[in-house]
PDB file of N, CA and C in Angstrom:
ATOM      1  N   UNK A   1      43.292  82.837  67.825  1.00  0.00           N
ATOM      2  CA  UNK A   1      44.031  82.346  68.970  1.00  0.00           C
ATOM      3  C   UNK A   1      45.358  83.098  69.040  1.00  0.00           C
ATOM      4  N   UNK A   2      45.749  83.459  70.241  1.00  0.00           N
ATOM      5  CA  UNK A   2      47.029  84.123  70.481  1.00  0.00           C
ATOM      6  C   UNK A   2      47.706  83.433  71.655  1.00  0.00           C
ATOM      7  N   UNK A   3      49.032  83.444  71.656  1.00  0.00           N
ATOM      8  CA  UNK A   3      49.774  82.812  72.741  1.00  0.00           C
ATOM      9  C   UNK A   3      50.893  83.723  73.212  1.00  0.00           C
ATOM     10  N   UNK A   4      51.260  83.541  74.467  1.00  0.00           N
ATOM     11  CA  UNK A   4      52.480  84.116  75.027  1.00  0.00           C
ATOM     12  C   UNK A   4      53.262  82.921  75.553  1.00  0.00           C
ATOM     13  N   UNK A   5      54.401  82.641  74.907  1.00  0.00           N
ATOM     14  CA  UNK A   5      55.137  81.411  75.200  1.00  0.00           C
ATOM     15  C   UNK A   5      56.623  81.656  75.338  1.00  0.00           C
ATOM     16  N   UNK A   6      57.252  80.757  76.040  1.00  0.00           N
ATOM     17  CA  UNK A   6      58.696  80.673  76.059  1.00  0.00           C
ATOM     18  C   UNK A   6      59.090  79.412  75.310  1.00  0.00           C
ATOM     19  N   UNK A   7      60.352  79.326  74.947  1.00  0.00           N
ATOM     20  CA  UNK A   7      60.826  78.090  74.342  1.00  0.00           C
ATOM     21  C   UNK A   7      62.237  77.818  74.803  1.00  0.00           C
ATOM     22  N   UNK A   8      62.524  76.541  74.966  1.00  0.00           N
ATOM     23  CA  UNK A   8      63.856  76.100  75.385  1.00  0.00           C
ATOM     24  C   UNK A   8      64.192  74.851  74.592  1.00  0.00           C
ATOM     25  N   UNK A   9      65.460  74.737  74.231  1.00  0.00           N
ATOM     26  CA  UNK A   9      65.836  73.579  73.432  1.00  0.00           C
ATOM     27  C   UNK A   9      67.330  73.386  73.373  1.00  0.00           C
ATOM     28  N   UNK A  10      67.712  72.570  72.418  1.00  0.00           N
ATOM     29  CA  UNK A  10      69.115  72.233  72.204  1.00  0.00           C
ATOM     30  C   UNK A  10      69.488  72.604  70.779  1.00  0.00           C
ATOM     31  N   UNK A  11      70.566  73.377  70.632  1.00  0.00           N
ATOM     32  CA  UNK A  11      71.033  73.793  69.312  1.00  0.00           C
ATOM     33  C   UNK A  11      72.373  73.151  69.008  1.00  0.00           C
ATOM     34  N   UNK A  12      72.509  72.692  67.773  1.00  0.00           N
ATOM     35  CA  UNK A  12      73.798  72.243  67.291  1.00  0.00           C
ATOM     36  C   UNK A  12      73.890  72.598  65.815  1.00  0.00           C
ATOM     37  N   UNK A  13      75.079  73.022  65.437  1.00  0.00           N
ATOM     38  CA  UNK A  13      75.348  73.473  64.075  1.00  0.00           C
ATOM     39  C   UNK A  13      74.265  74.450  63.625  1.00  0.00           C
ATOM     40  N   UNK A  14      73.418  74.099  62.667  1.00  0.00           N
ATOM     41  CA  UNK A  14      72.409  75.009  62.126  1.00  0.00           C
ATOM     42  C   UNK A  14      70.995  74.585  62.510  1.00  0.00           C
ATOM     43  N   UNK A  15      70.846  73.733  63.537  1.00  0.00           N
ATOM     44  CA  UNK A  15      69.534  73.200  63.920  1.00  0.00           C
ATOM     45  C   UNK A  15      69.212  73.493  65.384  1.00  0.00           C
ATOM     46  N   UNK A  16      67.936  73.685  65.657  1.00  0.00           N
ATOM     47  CA  UNK A  16      67.430  73.867  67.014  1.00  0.00           C
ATOM     48  C   UNK A  16      66.216  72.957  67.184  1.00  0.00           C
ATOM     49  N   UNK A  17      66.237  72.127  68.207  1.00  0.00           N
ATOM     50  CA  UNK A  17      65.072  71.317  68.589  1.00  0.00           C
ATOM     51  C   UNK A  17      64.600  71.883  69.923  1.00  0.00           C
ATOM     52  N   UNK A  18      63.296  72.168  70.039  1.00  0.00           N
ATOM     53  CA  UNK A  18      62.837  72.881  71.230  1.00  0.00           C
ATOM     54  C   UNK A  18      61.447  72.438  71.670  1.00  0.00           C
ATOM     55  N   UNK A  19      61.172  72.752  72.931  1.00  0.00           N
ATOM     56  CA  UNK A  19      59.835  72.642  73.495  1.00  0.00           C
ATOM     57  C   UNK A  19      59.345  74.048  73.793  1.00  0.00           C
ATOM     58  N   UNK A  20      58.037  74.230  73.797  1.00  0.00           N
ATOM     59  CA  UNK A  20      57.468  75.557  74.022  1.00  0.00           C
ATOM     60  C   UNK A  20      56.220  75.428  74.880  1.00  0.00           C
ATOM     61  N   UNK A  21      55.917  76.452  75.639  1.00  0.00           N
ATOM     62  CA  UNK A  21      54.725  76.421  76.474  1.00  0.00           C
ATOM     63  C   UNK A  21      54.410  77.794  77.030  1.00  0.00           C
ATOM     64  N   UNK A  22      53.153  77.962  77.427  1.00  0.00           N
ATOM     65  CA  UNK A  22      52.754  79.238  77.993  1.00  0.00           C
ATOM     66  C   UNK A  22      51.248  79.368  78.095  1.00  0.00           C
ATOM     67  N   UNK A  23      50.780  80.600  78.006  1.00  0.00           N
ATOM     68  CA  UNK A  23      49.358  80.915  78.132  1.00  0.00           C
ATOM     69  C   UNK A  23      48.781  81.152  76.736  1.00  0.00           C
ATOM     70  N   UNK A  24      47.501  80.777  76.556  1.00  0.00           N
ATOM     71  CA  UNK A  24      46.831  80.935  75.265  1.00  0.00           C
ATOM     72  C   UNK A  24      45.501  81.656  75.461  1.00  0.00           C
ATOM     73  N   UNK A  25      45.097  82.415  74.445  1.00  0.00           N
ATOM     74  CA  UNK A  25      43.842  83.157  74.463  1.00  0.00           C
ATOM     75  C   UNK A  25      43.089  82.869  73.165  1.00  0.00           C
ATOM     76  N   UNK A  26      41.779  82.701  73.262  1.00  0.00           N
ATOM     77  CA  UNK A  26      40.959  82.478  72.061  1.00  0.00           C
ATOM     78  C   UNK A  26      39.635  83.210  72.213  1.00  0.00           C
ATOM     79  N   UNK A  27      39.228  83.903  71.174  1.00  0.00           N
ATOM     80  CA  UNK A  27      37.924  84.566  71.140  1.00  0.00           C
ATOM     81  C   UNK A  27      36.935  83.585  70.515  1.00  0.00           C
ATOM     82  N   UNK A  28      35.836  83.318  71.227  1.00  0.00           N
ATOM     83  CA  UNK A  28      34.834  82.357  70.774  1.00  0.00           C
ATOM     84  C   UNK A  28      33.512  83.078  70.566  1.00  0.00           C
ATOM     85  N   UNK A  29      32.925  82.910  69.393  1.00  0.00           N
ATOM     86  CA  UNK A  29      31.602  83.440  69.079  1.00  0.00           C
ATOM     87  C   UNK A  29      30.664  82.251  68.875  1.00  0.00           C
ATOM     88  N   UNK A  30      29.534  82.246  69.572  1.00  0.00           N
ATOM     89  CA  UNK A  30      28.578  81.146  69.462  1.00  0.00           C
ATOM     90  C   UNK A  30      27.215  81.690  69.048  1.00  0.00           C
ATOM     91  N   UNK A  31      26.371  80.790  68.552  1.00  0.00           N
ATOM     92  CA  UNK A  31      25.035  81.160  68.099  1.00  0.00           C
ATOM     93  C   UNK A  31      24.108  79.968  68.346  1.00  0.00           C
ATOM     94  N   UNK A  32      22.894  80.251  68.804  1.00  0.00           N
ATOM     95  CA  UNK A  32      21.906  79.192  69.044  1.00  0.00           C
ATOM     96  C   UNK A  32      20.568  79.607  68.440  1.00  0.00           C
ATOM     97  N   UNK A  33      19.889  78.654  67.810  1.00  0.00           N
ATOM     98  CA  UNK A  33      18.548  78.850  67.260  1.00  0.00           C
ATOM     99  C   UNK A  33      17.608  77.844  67.902  1.00  0.00           C
ATOM    100  N   UNK A  34      16.356  78.243  68.087  1.00  0.00           N
ATOM    101  CA  UNK A  34      15.335  77.324  68.590  1.00  0.00           C
ATOM    102  C   UNK A  34      14.197  77.253  67.577  1.00  0.00           C
ATOM    103  N   UNK A  35      13.818  76.022  67.264  1.00  0.00           N
ATOM    104  CA  UNK A  35      12.753  75.776  66.289  1.00  0.00           C
ATOM    105  C   UNK A  35      11.582  75.070  66.959  1.00  0.00           C
ATOM    106  N   UNK A  36      10.391  75.344  66.481  1.00  0.00           N
ATOM    107  CA  UNK A  36       9.180  74.636  66.912  1.00  0.00           C
ATOM    108  C   UNK A  36       8.386  74.298  65.661  1.00  0.00           C
ATOM    109  N   UNK A  37       8.161  73.029  65.461  1.00  0.00           N
ATOM    110  CA  UNK A  37       7.442  72.533  64.284  1.00  0.00           C
ATOM    111  C   UNK A  37       8.039  73.076  62.980  1.00  0.00           C
ATOM    112  N   UNK A  38       9.367  73.112  62.929  1.00  0.00           N
ATOM    113  CA  UNK A  38      10.063  73.532  61.723  1.00  0.00           C
ATOM    114  C   UNK A  38      10.201  75.028  61.534  1.00  0.00           C
ATOM    115  N   UNK A  39       9.679  75.836  62.444  1.00  0.00           N
ATOM    116  CA  UNK A  39       9.770  77.292  62.329  1.00  0.00           C
ATOM    117  C   UNK A  39      10.706  77.852  63.388  1.00  0.00           C
ATOM    118  N   UNK A  40      11.517  78.805  62.984  1.00  0.00           N
ATOM    119  CA  UNK A  40      12.429  79.472  63.908  1.00  0.00           C
ATOM    120  C   UNK A  40      11.616  80.336  64.869  1.00  0.00           C
ATOM    121  N   UNK A  41      11.755  80.075  66.183  1.00  0.00           N
ATOM    122  CA  UNK A  41      11.010  80.869  67.171  1.00  0.00           C
ATOM    123  C   UNK A  41      11.922  81.674  68.085  1.00  0.00           C
ATOM    124  N   UNK A  42      13.218  81.443  68.008  1.00  0.00           N
ATOM    125  CA  UNK A  42      14.140  82.204  68.845  1.00  0.00           C
ATOM    126  C   UNK A  42      15.566  82.049  68.383  1.00  0.00           C
ATOM    127  N   UNK A  43      16.368  83.090  68.640  1.00  0.00           N
ATOM    128  CA  UNK A  43      17.755  83.083  68.224  1.00  0.00           C
ATOM    129  C   UNK A  43      18.546  83.998  69.150  1.00  0.00           C
ATOM    130  N   UNK A  44      19.776  83.621  69.466  1.00  0.00           N
ATOM    131  CA  UNK A  44      20.623  84.456  70.310  1.00  0.00           C
ATOM    132  C   UNK A  44      22.081  84.117  70.027  1.00  0.00           C
ATOM    133  N   UNK A  45      22.962  85.046  70.339  1.00  0.00           N
ATOM    134  CA  UNK A  45      24.404  84.862  70.174  1.00  0.00           C
ATOM    135  C   UNK A  45      25.110  85.221  71.468  1.00  0.00           C
ATOM    136  N   UNK A  46      26.282  84.678  71.638  1.00  0.00           N
ATOM    137  CA  UNK A  46      27.112  84.998  72.799  1.00  0.00           C
ATOM    138  C   UNK A  46      28.573  84.893  72.374  1.00  0.00           C
ATOM    139  N   UNK A  47      29.435  85.607  73.082  1.00  0.00           N
ATOM    140  CA  UNK A  47      30.862  85.524  72.803  1.00  0.00           C
ATOM    141  C   UNK A  47      31.646  85.749  74.081  1.00  0.00           C
ATOM    142  N   UNK A  48      32.855  85.236  74.102  1.00  0.00           N
ATOM    143  CA  UNK A  48      33.735  85.388  75.263  1.00  0.00           C
ATOM    144  C   UNK A  48      35.165  85.104  74.844  1.00  0.00           C
ATOM    145  N   UNK A  49      36.100  85.590  75.625  1.00  0.00           N
ATOM    146  CA  UNK A  49      37.500  85.260  75.435  1.00  0.00           C
ATOM    147  C   UNK A  49      37.867  84.173  76.440  1.00  0.00           C
ATOM    148  N   UNK A  50      38.360  83.065  75.934  1.00  0.00           N
ATOM    149  CA  UNK A  50      38.798  81.953  76.779  1.00  0.00           C
ATOM    150  C   UNK A  50      40.301  82.084  77.018  1.00  0.00           C
ATOM    151  N   UNK A  51      40.728  81.798  78.231  1.00  0.00           N
ATOM    152  CA  UNK A  51      42.148  81.774  78.570  1.00  0.00           C
ATOM    153  C   UNK A  51      42.503  80.356  78.977  1.00  0.00           C
ATOM    154  N   UNK A  52      43.634  79.863  78.474  1.00  0.00           N
ATOM    155  CA  UNK A  52      44.049  78.496  78.781  1.00  0.00           C
ATOM    156  C   UNK A  52      45.553  78.364  78.717  1.00  0.00           C
ATOM    157  N   UNK A  53      46.005  77.150  78.472  1.00  0.00           N
ATOM    158  CA  UNK A  53      47.442  76.865  78.427  1.00  0.00           C
ATOM    159  C   UNK A  53      47.785  76.215  77.089  1.00  0.00           C
ATOM    160  N   UNK A  54      49.072  76.251  76.755  1.00  0.00           N
ATOM    161  CA  UNK A  54      49.542  75.652  75.512  1.00  0.00           C
ATOM    162  C   UNK A  54      50.909  75.012  75.701  1.00  0.00           C
ATOM    163  N   UNK A  55      51.115  73.893  75.008  1.00  0.00           N
ATOM    164  CA  UNK A  55      52.404  73.189  74.993  1.00  0.00           C
ATOM    165  C   UNK A  55      52.685  72.735  73.573  1.00  0.00           C
ATOM    166  N   UNK A  56      53.969  72.644  73.230  1.00  0.00           N
ATOM    167  CA  UNK A  56      54.316  72.182  71.893  1.00  0.00           C
ATOM    168  C   UNK A  56      55.785  71.859  71.768  1.00  0.00           C
ATOM    169  N   UNK A  57      56.171  71.508  70.548  1.00  0.00           N
ATOM    170  CA  UNK A  57      57.559  71.183  70.232  1.00  0.00           C
ATOM    171  C   UNK A  57      57.814  71.541  68.781  1.00  0.00           C
ATOM    172  N   UNK A  58      59.087  71.776  68.467  1.00  0.00           N
ATOM    173  CA  UNK A  58      59.402  72.125  67.092  1.00  0.00           C
ATOM    174  C   UNK A  58      60.867  71.947  66.775  1.00  0.00           C
ATOM    175  N   UNK A  59      61.161  72.183  65.510  1.00  0.00           N
ATOM    176  CA  UNK A  59      62.534  72.153  65.021  1.00  0.00           C
ATOM    177  C   UNK A  59      62.710  73.359  64.096  1.00  0.00           C
ATOM    178  N   UNK A  60      63.869  74.012  64.202  1.00  0.00           N
ATOM    179  CA  UNK A  60      64.183  75.164  63.368  1.00  0.00           C
ATOM    180  C   UNK A  60      65.564  74.965  62.770  1.00  0.00           C
ATOM    181  N   UNK A  61      65.705  75.319  61.488  1.00  0.00           N
ATOM    182  CA  UNK A  61      66.986  75.141  60.800  1.00  0.00           C
ATOM    183  C   UNK A  61      67.340  76.407  60.039  1.00  0.00           C
ATOM    184  N   UNK A  62      68.594  76.815  60.152  1.00  0.00           N
ATOM    185  CA  UNK A  62      69.097  77.952  59.376  1.00  0.00           C
ATOM    186  C   UNK A  62      69.348  77.464  57.950  1.00  0.00           C
ATOM    187  N   UNK A  63      68.771  78.141  56.968  1.00  0.00           N
ATOM    188  CA  UNK A  63      68.984  77.763  55.573  1.00  0.00           C
ATOM    189  C   UNK A  63      69.957  78.712  54.883  1.00  0.00           C
ATOM    190  N   UNK A  64      70.054  79.936  55.394  1.00  0.00           N
ATOM    191  CA  UNK A  64      71.092  80.879  54.983  1.00  0.00           C
ATOM    192  C   UNK A  64      71.556  81.577  56.254  1.00  0.00           C
ATOM    193  N   UNK A  65      72.461  82.526  56.116  1.00  0.00           N
ATOM    194  CA  UNK A  65      72.951  83.249  57.286  1.00  0.00           C
ATOM    195  C   UNK A  65      71.853  84.063  57.964  1.00  0.00           C
ATOM    196  N   UNK A  66      70.839  84.488  57.210  1.00  0.00           N
ATOM    197  CA  UNK A  66      69.788  85.355  57.750  1.00  0.00           C
ATOM    198  C   UNK A  66      68.382  84.750  57.709  1.00  0.00           C
ATOM    199  N   UNK A  67      68.209  83.545  57.190  1.00  0.00           N
ATOM    200  CA  UNK A  67      66.880  82.946  57.045  1.00  0.00           C
ATOM    201  C   UNK A  67      66.849  81.561  57.671  1.00  0.00           C
ATOM    202  N   UNK A  68      65.800  81.316  58.466  1.00  0.00           N
ATOM    203  CA  UNK A  68      65.593  79.975  59.024  1.00  0.00           C
ATOM    204  C   UNK A  68      64.161  79.536  58.712  1.00  0.00           C
ATOM    205  N   UNK A  69      63.939  78.229  58.714  1.00  0.00           N
ATOM    206  CA  UNK A  69      62.601  77.662  58.550  1.00  0.00           C
ATOM    207  C   UNK A  69      62.306  76.830  59.792  1.00  0.00           C
ATOM    208  N   UNK A  70      61.014  76.770  60.153  1.00  0.00           N
ATOM    209  CA  UNK A  70      60.659  75.988  61.329  1.00  0.00           C
ATOM    210  C   UNK A  70      59.379  75.213  61.082  1.00  0.00           C
ATOM    211  N   UNK A  71      59.278  74.094  61.784  1.00  0.00           N
ATOM    212  CA  UNK A  71      58.082  73.265  61.810  1.00  0.00           C
ATOM    213  C   UNK A  71      57.746  73.064  63.277  1.00  0.00           C
ATOM    214  N   UNK A  72      56.479  73.362  63.653  1.00  0.00           N
ATOM    215  CA  UNK A  72      56.109  73.343  65.065  1.00  0.00           C
ATOM    216  C   UNK A  72      54.717  72.742  65.248  1.00  0.00           C
ATOM    217  N   UNK A  73      54.576  71.918  66.282  1.00  0.00           N
ATOM    218  CA  UNK A  73      53.267  71.404  66.694  1.00  0.00           C
ATOM    219  C   UNK A  73      52.892  72.109  67.991  1.00  0.00           C
ATOM    220  N   UNK A  74      51.611  72.497  68.111  1.00  0.00           N
ATOM    221  CA  UNK A  74      51.144  73.213  69.291  1.00  0.00           C
ATOM    222  C   UNK A  74      49.769  72.697  69.694  1.00  0.00           C
ATOM    223  N   UNK A  75      49.601  72.397  70.985  1.00  0.00           N
ATOM    224  CA  UNK A  75      48.312  72.010  71.539  1.00  0.00           C
ATOM    225  C   UNK A  75      47.902  73.090  72.536  1.00  0.00           C
ATOM    226  N   UNK A  76      46.652  73.537  72.456  1.00  0.00           N
ATOM    227  CA  UNK A  76      46.132  74.529  73.401  1.00  0.00           C
ATOM    228  C   UNK A  76      44.816  74.028  73.974  1.00  0.00           C
ATOM    229  N   UNK A  77      44.636  74.192  75.271  1.00  0.00           N
ATOM    230  CA  UNK A  77      43.410  73.762  75.953  1.00  0.00           C
ATOM    231  C   UNK A  77      42.827  74.956  76.695  1.00  0.00           C
ATOM    232  N   UNK A  78      41.529  75.212  76.444  1.00  0.00           N
ATOM    233  CA  UNK A  78      40.861  76.368  77.030  1.00  0.00           C
ATOM    234  C   UNK A  78      39.777  75.976  78.024  1.00  0.00           C
ATOM    235  N   UNK A  79      39.601  74.690  78.297  1.00  0.00           N
ATOM    236  CA  UNK A  79      38.617  74.244  79.269  1.00  0.00           C
ATOM    237  C   UNK A  79      37.189  74.439  78.785  1.00  0.00           C
ATOM    238  N   UNK A  80      36.253  74.355  79.732  1.00  0.00           N
ATOM    239  CA  UNK A  80      34.823  74.480  79.431  1.00  0.00           C
ATOM    240  C   UNK A  80      34.294  75.822  79.910  1.00  0.00           C
ATOM    241  N   UNK A  81      33.342  76.354  79.161  1.00  0.00           N
ATOM    242  CA  UNK A  81      32.670  77.591  79.554  1.00  0.00           C
ATOM    243  C   UNK A  81      31.203  77.479  79.170  1.00  0.00           C
ATOM    244  N   UNK A  82      30.324  77.891  80.080  1.00  0.00           N
ATOM    245  CA  UNK A  82      28.883  77.898  79.818  1.00  0.00           C
ATOM    246  C   UNK A  82      28.473  79.216  79.178  1.00  0.00           C
ATOM    247  N   UNK A  83      27.541  79.126  78.236  1.00  0.00           N
ATOM    248  CA  UNK A  83      26.957  80.294  77.583  1.00  0.00           C
ATOM    249  C   UNK A  83      25.456  80.261  77.813  1.00  0.00           C
ATOM    250  N   UNK A  84      24.876  81.404  78.175  1.00  0.00           N
ATOM    251  CA  UNK A  84      23.427  81.515  78.374  1.00  0.00           C
ATOM    252  C   UNK A  84      22.806  82.181  77.156  1.00  0.00           C
ATOM    253  N   UNK A  85      21.743  81.567  76.645  1.00  0.00           N
ATOM    254  CA  UNK A  85      21.028  82.099  75.482  1.00  0.00           C
ATOM    255  C   UNK A  85      19.589  82.389  75.876  1.00  0.00           C
ATOM    256  N   UNK A  86      19.118  83.589  75.573  1.00  0.00           N
ATOM    257  CA  UNK A  86      17.714  83.956  75.760  1.00  0.00           C
ATOM    258  C   UNK A  86      17.052  83.803  74.390  1.00  0.00           C
ATOM    259  N   UNK A  87      16.500  82.616  74.123  1.00  0.00           N
ATOM    260  CA  UNK A  87      16.044  82.287  72.781  1.00  0.00           C
ATOM    261  C   UNK A  87      14.663  82.840  72.450  1.00  0.00           C
ATOM    262  N   UNK A  88      13.796  82.992  73.454  1.00  0.00           N
ATOM    263  CA  UNK A  88      12.463  83.537  73.211  1.00  0.00           C
ATOM    264  C   UNK A  88      12.323  84.774  74.073  1.00  0.00           C
ATOM    265  N   UNK A  89      12.100  85.931  73.460  1.00  0.00           N
ATOM    266  CA  UNK A  89      12.005  87.174  74.224  1.00  0.00           C
ATOM    267  C   UNK A  89      10.655  87.263  74.923  1.00  0.00           C
ATOM    268  N   UNK A  90      10.609  88.103  75.941  1.00  0.00           N
ATOM    269  CA  UNK A  90       9.374  88.296  76.692  1.00  0.00           C
ATOM    270  C   UNK A  90       9.543  87.882  78.135  1.00  0.00           C
ATOM    271  N   UNK A  91       8.495  88.104  78.962  1.00  0.00           N
ATOM    272  CA  UNK A  91       8.605  87.822  80.393  1.00  0.00           C
ATOM    273  C   UNK A  91       8.768  86.341  80.708  1.00  0.00           C
ATOM    274  N   UNK A  92       8.345  85.456  79.841  1.00  0.00           N
ATOM    275  CA  UNK A  92       8.516  84.016  80.075  1.00  0.00           C
ATOM    276  C   UNK A  92       9.575  83.470  79.135  1.00  0.00           C
ATOM    277  N   UNK A  93      10.629  84.260  78.938  1.00  0.00           N
ATOM    278  CA  UNK A  93      11.682  83.885  78.003  1.00  0.00           C
ATOM    279  C   UNK A  93      12.285  82.528  78.316  1.00  0.00           C
ATOM    280  N   UNK A  94      12.765  81.900  77.293  1.00  0.00           N
ATOM    281  CA  UNK A  94      13.359  80.570  77.386  1.00  0.00           C
ATOM    282  C   UNK A  94      14.868  80.721  77.479  1.00  0.00           C
ATOM    283  N   UNK A  95      15.442  80.521  78.669  1.00  0.00           N
ATOM    284  CA  UNK A  95      16.880  80.613  78.816  1.00  0.00           C
ATOM    285  C   UNK A  95      17.488  79.231  78.645  1.00  0.00           C
ATOM    286  N   UNK A  96      18.419  79.130  77.723  1.00  0.00           N
ATOM    287  CA  UNK A  96      19.090  77.868  77.432  1.00  0.00           C
ATOM    288  C   UNK A  96      20.559  78.044  77.740  1.00  0.00           C
ATOM    289  N   UNK A  97      21.171  77.030  78.307  1.00  0.00           N
ATOM    290  CA  UNK A  97      22.600  77.061  78.618  1.00  0.00           C
ATOM    291  C   UNK A  97      23.309  76.090  77.693  1.00  0.00           C
ATOM    292  N   UNK A  98      24.324  76.585  77.005  1.00  0.00           N
ATOM    293  CA  UNK A  98      25.173  75.753  76.164  1.00  0.00           C
ATOM    294  C   UNK A  98      26.583  75.765  76.714  1.00  0.00           C
ATOM    295  N   UNK A  99      27.320  74.697  76.484  1.00  0.00           N
ATOM    296  CA  UNK A  99      28.684  74.579  76.990  1.00  0.00           C
ATOM    297  C   UNK A  99      29.654  74.426  75.828  1.00  0.00           C
ATOM    298  N   UNK A 100      30.721  75.201  75.861  1.00  0.00           N
ATOM    299  CA  UNK A 100      31.793  75.083  74.870  1.00  0.00           C
ATOM    300  C   UNK A 100      33.004  74.469  75.557  1.00  0.00           C
ATOM    301  N   UNK A 101      33.528  73.396  74.997  1.00  0.00           N
ATOM    302  CA  UNK A 101      34.750  72.749  75.473  1.00  0.00           C
ATOM    303  C   UNK A 101      35.761  72.871  74.344  1.00  0.00           C
ATOM    304  N   UNK A 102      36.719  73.785  74.495  1.00  0.00           N
ATOM    305  CA  UNK A 102      37.575  74.176  73.386  1.00  0.00           C
ATOM    306  C   UNK A 102      39.013  73.725  73.584  1.00  0.00           C
ATOM    307  N   UNK A 103      39.550  73.028  72.572  1.00  0.00           N
ATOM    308  CA  UNK A 103      40.977  72.722  72.492  1.00  0.00           C
ATOM    309  C   UNK A 103      41.383  72.827  71.027  1.00  0.00           C
ATOM    310  N   UNK A 104      42.647  73.139  70.791  1.00  0.00           N
ATOM    311  CA  UNK A 104      43.144  73.371  69.436  1.00  0.00           C
ATOM    312  C   UNK A 104      44.450  72.618  69.245  1.00  0.00           C
ATOM    313  N   UNK A 105      44.563  71.891  68.127  1.00  0.00           N
ATOM    314  CA  UNK A 105      45.812  71.288  67.680  1.00  0.00           C
ATOM    315  C   UNK A 105      46.237  72.027  66.419  1.00  0.00           C
ATOM    316  N   UNK A 106      47.488  72.459  66.365  1.00  0.00           N
ATOM    317  CA  UNK A 106      47.938  73.164  65.163  1.00  0.00           C
ATOM    318  C   UNK A 106      49.353  72.736  64.791  1.00  0.00           C
ATOM    319  N   UNK A 107      49.603  72.786  63.504  1.00  0.00           N
ATOM    320  CA  UNK A 107      50.943  72.561  62.958  1.00  0.00           C
ATOM    321  C   UNK A 107      51.309  73.804  62.174  1.00  0.00           C
ATOM    322  N   UNK A 108      52.471  74.349  62.469  1.00  0.00           N
ATOM    323  CA  UNK A 108      52.902  75.596  61.828  1.00  0.00           C
ATOM    324  C   UNK A 108      54.185  75.354  61.041  1.00  0.00           C
ATOM    325  N   UNK A 109      54.214  75.895  59.854  1.00  0.00           N
ATOM    326  CA  UNK A 109      55.418  75.929  59.045  1.00  0.00           C
ATOM    327  C   UNK A 109      55.754  77.398  58.859  1.00  0.00           C
ATOM    328  N   UNK A 110      56.949  77.803  59.235  1.00  0.00           N
ATOM    329  CA  UNK A 110      57.278  79.223  59.196  1.00  0.00           C
ATOM    330  C   UNK A 110      58.645  79.519  58.623  1.00  0.00           C
ATOM    331  N   UNK A 111      58.805  80.741  58.181  1.00  0.00           N
ATOM    332  CA  UNK A 111      60.083  81.264  57.701  1.00  0.00           C
ATOM    333  C   UNK A 111      60.416  82.474  58.566  1.00  0.00           C
ATOM    334  N   UNK A 112      61.603  82.490  59.134  1.00  0.00           N
ATOM    335  CA  UNK A 112      62.049  83.592  59.983  1.00  0.00           C
ATOM    336  C   UNK A 112      63.218  84.308  59.325  1.00  0.00           C
ATOM    337  N   UNK A 113      63.183  85.643  59.373  1.00  0.00           N
ATOM    338  CA  UNK A 113      64.269  86.462  58.876  1.00  0.00           C
ATOM    339  C   UNK A 113      65.023  87.037  60.073  1.00  0.00           C
ATOM    340  N   UNK A 114      66.309  86.839  60.152  1.00  0.00           N
ATOM    341  CA  UNK A 114      67.134  87.276  61.268  1.00  0.00           C
ATOM    342  C   UNK A 114      67.882  88.551  60.867  1.00  0.00           C
ATOM    343  N   UNK A 115      67.816  89.565  61.731  1.00  0.00           N
ATOM    344  CA  UNK A 115      68.455  90.849  61.439  1.00  0.00           C
ATOM    345  C   UNK A 115      69.747  91.003  62.196  1.00  0.00           C
TER     346      UNK A 115
END
C-alpha cells in the first residue's frame, strides 16, 4: 500500500497533533481454485491496482533537536472490484467472478531524523 497525503495540525512546544488524508494505492493479487469431487479441475490468478482514499490522525514529539517519534493511525478504503477467473480451459470454459472489498487499518510507530 502506498499513499499520497497531506497533514495539518496544531503544534506547541515539542509536540504536534495532526490529521492526515489523501489518496491510497494497493496492489492486490488473487487466486481461485475449482474442485470437483475433491480433485483440482481448474485454477486461475488475477491482479490489479486499487485506488482509494485514506484518513488518519497522529501525534509527533521531538525527543532531541534532530529526532522525533510519531504514532499514527490510518484507515484506507479501496472499494469493491470484480475479478474474472477462467477456471476450466477450453471452449466451454468456466468463467467465475469474484469480488474483492478492500480496506486497511494500520497503526504506525516511526522515528524521523530532521536535517
